[in-house]
Amino acid sequence: MFLTSFISTFELAIIIPAVILITLFPIWALVDLIRSDNSVDSKILWVIIIFFFNILGSILYFLFGRPKRGYNNYHGSYYRKRDERYRTN
């Protein structure tokens, strides 16, 4: 009740989702980055960008830093090698 005496319900309805977005979007970007097939140097650079530029860095990562999705979303090279072992030609 103490918080609502200074901030209206409408303002809380805007502030709470914004705080959740600001918190979760960079975490989502970092998890995606860790699971990606990017090189170690590229991952380090993107971690620094996401850490210092929070939302903007996350948006930049999703626009420019993600590897192109083709055969498989994550660890595509592993699955390609596995499938090649079992291929009968």
N, C-alpha and C. Protein backbone atom coordinates (compact mmCIF):
# COMPACT_ATOMS: atom_id res chain seq x y z
N MET A 1 0.80 -1.19 0.00
CA MET A 1 0.00 0.00 0.00
C MET A 1 0.85 1.26 0.00
N PHE A 2 2.04 1.16 0.57
CA PHE A 2 2.90 2.33 0.62
C PHE A 2 3.25 2.82 -0.78
N LEU A 3 3.56 1.87 -1.68
CA LEU A 3 3.96 2.23 -3.04
C LEU A 3 2.79 2.83 -3.80
N THR A 4 1.62 2.30 -3.64
CA THR A 4 0.47 2.81 -4.38
C THR A 4 -0.01 4.17 -3.91
N SER A 5 0.42 4.61 -2.75
CA SER A 5 0.01 5.94 -2.31
C SER A 5 0.74 7.03 -3.10
N PHE A 6 1.90 6.71 -3.65
CA PHE A 6 2.66 7.69 -4.44
C PHE A 6 2.48 7.48 -5.94
N ILE A 7 2.21 6.25 -6.34
CA ILE A 7 2.10 5.93 -7.75
C ILE A 7 0.71 5.38 -8.01
N SER A 8 0.07 5.87 -9.07
CA SER A 8 -1.29 5.40 -9.38
C SER A 8 -1.23 4.01 -10.00
N THR A 9 -2.38 3.37 -10.06
CA THR A 9 -2.48 2.04 -10.64
C THR A 9 -2.11 2.06 -12.12
N PHE A 10 -2.51 3.09 -12.82
CA PHE A 10 -2.18 3.22 -14.24
C PHE A 10 -0.67 3.29 -14.44
N GLU A 11 0.00 4.06 -13.61
CA GLU A 11 1.46 4.17 -13.73
C GLU A 11 2.14 2.84 -13.42
N LEU A 12 1.62 2.11 -12.43
CA LEU A 12 2.17 0.79 -12.12
C LEU A 12 1.97 -0.18 -13.28
N ALA A 13 0.84 -0.05 -13.98
CA ALA A 13 0.57 -0.92 -15.12
C ALA A 13 1.55 -0.67 -16.26
N ILE A 14 2.16 0.48 -16.29
CA ILE A 14 3.17 0.78 -17.30
C ILE A 14 4.57 0.45 -16.78
N ILE A 15 4.84 0.76 -15.55
CA ILE A 15 6.18 0.58 -14.98
C ILE A 15 6.55 -0.90 -14.83
N ILE A 16 5.65 -1.70 -14.31
CA ILE A 16 5.98 -3.11 -14.04
C ILE A 16 6.32 -3.88 -15.32
N PRO A 17 5.52 -3.82 -16.40
CA PRO A 17 5.95 -4.52 -17.62
C PRO A 17 7.25 -3.97 -18.22
N ALA A 18 7.48 -2.66 -18.07
CA ALA A 18 8.72 -2.08 -18.58
C ALA A 18 9.92 -2.63 -17.82
N VAL A 19 9.80 -2.75 -16.51
CA VAL A 19 10.90 -3.29 -15.70
C VAL A 19 11.14 -4.76 -16.06
N ILE A 20 10.07 -5.51 -16.25
CA ILE A 20 10.20 -6.92 -16.64
C ILE A 20 10.89 -7.03 -18.01
N LEU A 21 10.50 -6.19 -18.95
CA LEU A 21 11.11 -6.20 -20.28
C LEU A 21 12.59 -5.84 -20.20
N ILE A 22 12.90 -4.81 -19.45
CA ILE A 22 14.28 -4.36 -19.32
C ILE A 22 15.15 -5.44 -18.67
N THR A 23 14.56 -6.24 -17.81
CA THR A 23 15.30 -7.30 -17.13
C THR A 23 15.42 -8.55 -17.98
N LEU A 24 14.32 -8.98 -18.59
CA LEU A 24 14.31 -10.27 -19.27
C LEU A 24 14.87 -10.25 -20.69
N PHE A 25 14.73 -9.15 -21.41
CA PHE A 25 15.20 -9.10 -22.80
C PHE A 25 16.71 -9.32 -22.90
N PRO A 26 17.54 -8.65 -22.10
CA PRO A 26 18.97 -8.94 -22.16
C PRO A 26 19.32 -10.36 -21.71
N ILE A 27 18.58 -10.90 -20.74
CA ILE A 27 18.84 -12.28 -20.31
C ILE A 27 18.53 -13.24 -21.45
N TRP A 28 17.45 -13.00 -22.16
CA TRP A 28 17.08 -13.82 -23.31
C TRP A 28 18.17 -13.73 -24.38
N ALA A 29 18.67 -12.53 -24.64
CA ALA A 29 19.73 -12.35 -25.63
C ALA A 29 21.00 -13.08 -25.21
N LEU A 30 21.36 -13.02 -23.94
CA LEU A 30 22.57 -13.71 -23.47
C LEU A 30 22.43 -15.23 -23.56
N VAL A 31 21.27 -15.76 -23.21
CA VAL A 31 21.05 -17.20 -23.32
C VAL A 31 21.13 -17.63 -24.78
N ASP A 32 20.50 -16.87 -25.67
CA ASP A 32 20.56 -17.18 -27.09
C ASP A 32 21.99 -17.11 -27.60
N LEU A 33 22.74 -16.13 -27.14
CA LEU A 33 24.14 -15.97 -27.54
C LEU A 33 24.98 -17.16 -27.09
N ILE A 34 24.79 -17.60 -25.86
CA ILE A 34 25.57 -18.72 -25.34
C ILE A 34 25.26 -20.00 -26.11
N ARG A 35 24.02 -20.19 -26.49
CA ARG A 35 23.62 -21.40 -27.20
C ARG A 35 23.94 -21.35 -28.69
N SER A 36 24.37 -20.21 -29.21
CA SER A 36 24.60 -20.05 -30.64
C SER A 36 25.92 -20.68 -31.07
N ASP A 37 26.12 -20.73 -32.38
CA ASP A 37 27.35 -21.27 -32.96
C ASP A 37 28.38 -20.18 -33.26
N ASN A 38 28.24 -19.02 -32.66
CA ASN A 38 29.20 -17.94 -32.88
C ASN A 38 30.56 -18.32 -32.33
N SER A 39 31.60 -17.69 -32.85
CA SER A 39 32.95 -17.93 -32.34
C SER A 39 33.08 -17.33 -30.94
N VAL A 40 34.10 -17.76 -30.22
CA VAL A 40 34.30 -17.28 -28.86
C VAL A 40 34.56 -15.78 -28.86
N ASP A 41 35.36 -15.29 -29.80
CA ASP A 41 35.64 -13.86 -29.88
C ASP A 41 34.36 -13.06 -30.12
N SER A 42 33.52 -13.56 -31.00
CA SER A 42 32.26 -12.89 -31.29
C SER A 42 31.35 -12.89 -30.06
N LYS A 43 31.32 -14.02 -29.35
CA LYS A 43 30.48 -14.10 -28.14
C LYS A 43 30.94 -13.10 -27.08
N ILE A 44 32.24 -12.99 -26.88
CA ILE A 44 32.77 -12.04 -25.90
C ILE A 44 32.38 -10.62 -26.26
N LEU A 45 32.52 -10.28 -27.53
CA LEU A 45 32.16 -8.94 -27.99
C LEU A 45 30.68 -8.66 -27.76
N TRP A 46 29.81 -9.62 -28.09
CA TRP A 46 28.38 -9.42 -27.91
C TRP A 46 27.98 -9.37 -26.45
N VAL A 47 28.65 -10.12 -25.58
CA VAL A 47 28.37 -10.04 -24.14
C VAL A 47 28.67 -8.63 -23.64
N ILE A 48 29.80 -8.07 -24.07
CA ILE A 48 30.16 -6.71 -23.67
C ILE A 48 29.13 -5.70 -24.17
N ILE A 49 28.71 -5.85 -25.43
CA ILE A 49 27.72 -4.93 -26.00
C ILE A 49 26.39 -5.03 -25.26
N ILE A 50 25.93 -6.26 -25.01
CA ILE A 50 24.65 -6.45 -24.32
C ILE A 50 24.75 -5.94 -22.88
N PHE A 51 25.89 -6.17 -22.24
CA PHE A 51 26.04 -5.74 -20.85
C PHE A 51 26.03 -4.22 -20.72
N PHE A 52 26.75 -3.52 -21.60
CA PHE A 52 26.85 -2.06 -21.47
C PHE A 52 25.67 -1.31 -22.08
N PHE A 53 25.04 -1.88 -23.11
CA PHE A 53 23.96 -1.17 -23.79
C PHE A 53 22.61 -1.86 -23.62
N ASN A 54 22.48 -2.69 -22.60
CA ASN A 54 21.28 -3.39 -22.17
C ASN A 54 20.24 -3.62 -23.28
N ILE A 55 19.20 -2.83 -23.37
CA ILE A 55 18.13 -3.06 -24.34
C ILE A 55 18.62 -2.83 -25.76
N LEU A 56 19.34 -1.73 -26.00
CA LEU A 56 19.84 -1.46 -27.34
C LEU A 56 20.80 -2.55 -27.80
N GLY A 57 21.67 -3.01 -26.91
CA GLY A 57 22.60 -4.09 -27.25
C GLY A 57 21.87 -5.37 -27.57
N SER A 58 20.79 -5.66 -26.84
CA SER A 58 20.00 -6.86 -27.11
C SER A 58 19.32 -6.77 -28.47
N ILE A 59 18.78 -5.62 -28.77
CA ILE A 59 18.13 -5.43 -30.08
C ILE A 59 19.16 -5.57 -31.19
N LEU A 60 20.33 -4.96 -31.01
CA LEU A 60 21.39 -5.08 -32.02
C LEU A 60 21.82 -6.52 -32.20
N TYR A 61 21.92 -7.27 -31.10
CA TYR A 61 22.30 -8.68 -31.20
C TYR A 61 21.27 -9.46 -32.00
N PHE A 62 19.98 -9.27 -31.70
CA PHE A 62 18.95 -10.01 -32.41
C PHE A 62 18.87 -9.60 -33.89
N LEU A 63 19.22 -8.36 -34.20
CA LEU A 63 19.19 -7.93 -35.60
C LEU A 63 20.43 -8.34 -36.38
N PHE A 64 21.62 -8.22 -35.77
CA PHE A 64 22.86 -8.40 -36.52
C PHE A 64 23.77 -9.52 -36.01
N GLY A 65 23.63 -9.93 -34.77
CA GLY A 65 24.61 -10.85 -34.19
C GLY A 65 24.25 -12.31 -34.25
N ARG A 66 22.98 -12.62 -34.41
CA ARG A 66 22.57 -14.02 -34.45
C ARG A 66 23.07 -14.66 -35.72
N PRO A 67 23.55 -15.90 -35.60
CA PRO A 67 23.94 -16.60 -36.83
C PRO A 67 22.70 -16.87 -37.67
N LYS A 68 22.89 -16.96 -38.96
CA LYS A 68 21.77 -17.22 -39.85
C LYS A 68 21.21 -18.60 -39.57
N ARG A 69 19.91 -18.68 -39.42
CA ARG A 69 19.26 -19.94 -39.10
C ARG A 69 19.00 -20.70 -40.40
N GLY A 70 19.51 -21.89 -40.45
CA GLY A 70 19.32 -22.69 -41.65
C GLY A 70 18.82 -24.07 -41.31
N TYR A 71 19.74 -25.00 -41.27
CA TYR A 71 19.41 -26.41 -41.08
C TYR A 71 18.75 -26.67 -39.74
N ASN A 72 19.33 -26.10 -38.67
CA ASN A 72 18.80 -26.33 -37.33
C ASN A 72 19.03 -25.06 -36.53
N ASN A 73 18.17 -24.79 -35.57
CA ASN A 73 18.30 -23.56 -34.79
C ASN A 73 19.58 -23.49 -33.98
N TYR A 74 19.88 -24.53 -33.21
CA TYR A 74 21.04 -24.49 -32.35
C TYR A 74 21.92 -25.70 -32.61
N HIS A 75 23.19 -25.47 -32.59
CA HIS A 75 24.17 -26.54 -32.75
C HIS A 75 23.93 -27.33 -34.03
N GLY A 76 23.66 -26.62 -35.10
CA GLY A 76 23.37 -27.26 -36.38
C GLY A 76 24.50 -28.13 -36.88
N SER A 77 25.75 -27.73 -36.64
CA SER A 77 26.86 -28.51 -37.14
C SER A 77 26.88 -29.88 -36.48
N TYR A 78 26.54 -29.98 -35.21
CA TYR A 78 26.51 -31.26 -34.52
C TYR A 78 25.49 -32.19 -35.17
N TYR A 79 24.29 -31.67 -35.44
CA TYR A 79 23.25 -32.50 -36.02
C TYR A 79 23.58 -32.88 -37.45
N ARG A 80 24.21 -31.99 -38.20
CA ARG A 80 24.61 -32.33 -39.56
C ARG A 80 25.62 -33.46 -39.55
N LYS A 81 26.61 -33.39 -38.66
CA LYS A 81 27.61 -34.46 -38.57
C LYS A 81 26.96 -35.77 -38.15
N ARG A 82 26.03 -35.72 -37.21
CA ARG A 82 25.36 -36.93 -36.75
C ARG A 82 24.56 -37.54 -37.88
N ASP A 83 23.84 -36.72 -38.63
CA ASP A 83 23.02 -37.23 -39.73
C ASP A 83 23.87 -37.80 -40.84
N GLU A 84 25.05 -37.20 -41.07
CA GLU A 84 25.94 -37.71 -42.12
C GLU A 84 26.48 -39.10 -41.77
N ARG A 85 26.67 -39.38 -40.48
CA ARG A 85 27.15 -40.69 -40.07
C ARG A 85 26.16 -41.78 -40.40
N TYR A 86 24.88 -41.49 -40.28
CA TYR A 86 23.84 -42.49 -40.49
C TYR A 86 23.27 -42.48 -41.89
N ARG A 87 23.79 -41.62 -42.74
CA ARG A 87 23.30 -41.56 -44.11
C ARG A 87 23.88 -42.73 -44.90
N THR A 88 23.05 -43.39 -45.67
CA THR A 88 23.52 -44.52 -46.48
C THR A 88 23.49 -44.13 -47.95
N ASN A 89 24.64 -43.92 -48.51
CA ASN A 89 24.75 -43.57 -49.93
C ASN A 89 25.50 -44.63 -50.68
